[in-house]
Protein backbone atom coordinates (compact mmCIF):
# COMPACT_ATOMS: atom_id res chain seq x y z
CA UNK A 1 116.04 105.58 114.02
CA UNK A 2 117.01 102.90 111.51
CA UNK A 3 116.01 103.27 107.90
CA UNK A 4 115.62 100.10 105.88
CA UNK A 5 115.75 100.49 102.14
CA UNK A 6 115.19 97.59 99.82
CA UNK A 7 116.96 99.51 97.06
CA UNK A 8 120.34 99.70 98.83
CA UNK A 9 122.09 96.87 100.63
CA UNK A 10 125.09 98.73 102.01
CA UNK A 11 126.01 98.05 105.62
CA UNK A 12 124.82 100.67 108.10
CA UNK A 13 126.30 101.13 111.58
CA UNK A 14 124.97 103.09 114.53
CA UNK A 15 126.36 102.93 118.07
CA UNK A 16 128.09 99.61 117.41
CA UNK A 17 124.93 98.03 115.99
CA UNK A 18 124.67 97.02 112.37
CA UNK A 19 122.19 96.48 109.60
CA UNK A 20 123.83 94.37 106.92
CA UNK A 21 120.97 94.31 104.45
CA UNK A 22 118.31 91.83 103.47
CA UNK A 23 118.94 88.17 102.65
CA UNK A 24 116.57 85.64 101.12
CA UNK A 25 116.08 82.09 102.28
CA UNK A 26 116.83 79.55 99.57
CA UNK A 27 114.90 76.39 98.78
CA UNK A 28 116.98 74.37 101.27
CA UNK A 29 116.48 76.95 104.04
CA UNK A 30 119.94 78.44 103.57
CA UNK A 31 120.96 82.09 103.76
CA UNK A 32 124.17 83.84 102.76
CA UNK A 33 125.71 85.87 105.57
CA UNK A 34 126.76 89.22 104.03
CA UNK A 35 130.50 89.70 103.48
CA UNK A 36 130.69 92.73 105.82
CA UNK A 37 129.07 90.71 108.64
CA UNK A 38 131.48 87.79 108.08
CA UNK A 39 134.42 90.19 108.19
CA UNK A 40 133.32 92.11 111.30
CA UNK A 41 132.46 88.94 113.24
CA UNK A 42 135.37 86.89 111.84
CA UNK A 43 133.09 84.16 110.46
CA UNK A 44 134.94 81.71 108.26
CA UNK A 45 133.84 78.61 106.32
CA UNK A 46 133.36 75.71 108.72
CA UNK A 47 132.64 77.90 111.77
CA UNK A 48 129.79 76.69 113.95
CA UNK A 49 127.01 79.17 114.68
CA UNK A 50 124.28 78.89 117.28
CA UNK A 51 120.82 80.15 116.39
CA UNK A 52 118.99 81.83 119.26
CA UNK A 53 115.46 83.13 119.11
CA UNK A 54 112.36 84.37 120.85
CA UNK A 55 108.94 85.64 119.77
CA UNK A 56 110.52 88.75 118.18
CA UNK A 57 113.09 87.07 115.98
CA UNK A 58 116.37 85.21 115.91
CA UNK A 59 120.10 85.85 116.07
CA UNK A 60 123.30 84.02 115.11
CA UNK A 61 126.14 83.64 117.60
CA UNK A 62 129.51 81.97 117.15
CA UNK A 63 129.50 78.90 119.39
CA UNK A 64 132.90 79.82 120.86
CA UNK A 65 131.42 83.05 122.25
CA UNK A 66 128.51 81.15 123.78
CA UNK A 67 130.88 78.51 125.18
CA UNK A 68 133.03 81.23 126.77
CA UNK A 69 129.96 82.65 128.56
CA UNK A 70 129.00 79.16 129.80
CA UNK A 71 132.56 78.51 131.01
CA UNK A 72 132.55 81.79 132.97
CA UNK A 73 129.19 81.00 134.53
CA UNK A 74 130.30 77.50 135.51
CA UNK A 75 133.55 78.85 136.96
CA UNK A 76 131.51 81.15 139.21
CA UNK A 77 129.52 78.17 140.49
CA UNK A 78 132.62 76.20 141.46
CA UNK A 79 134.14 78.99 143.57
């Protein structure tokens, strides 16, 4: 089970899943993606991220990963 501590913001990993800590939303609605997350997911300045969500929450996904999934799905339709 995950343990979330507001005292410590060190990255935690379990079975390939991560908790990177807590971020706050600024006045302009911006957040800072933690350094460890940027490093693991190879997120660099200028990268485009897609925001996905449902009733439980939201997630960030690099657009190139999403585009790759769409390309594979479309390729399957044309065969």
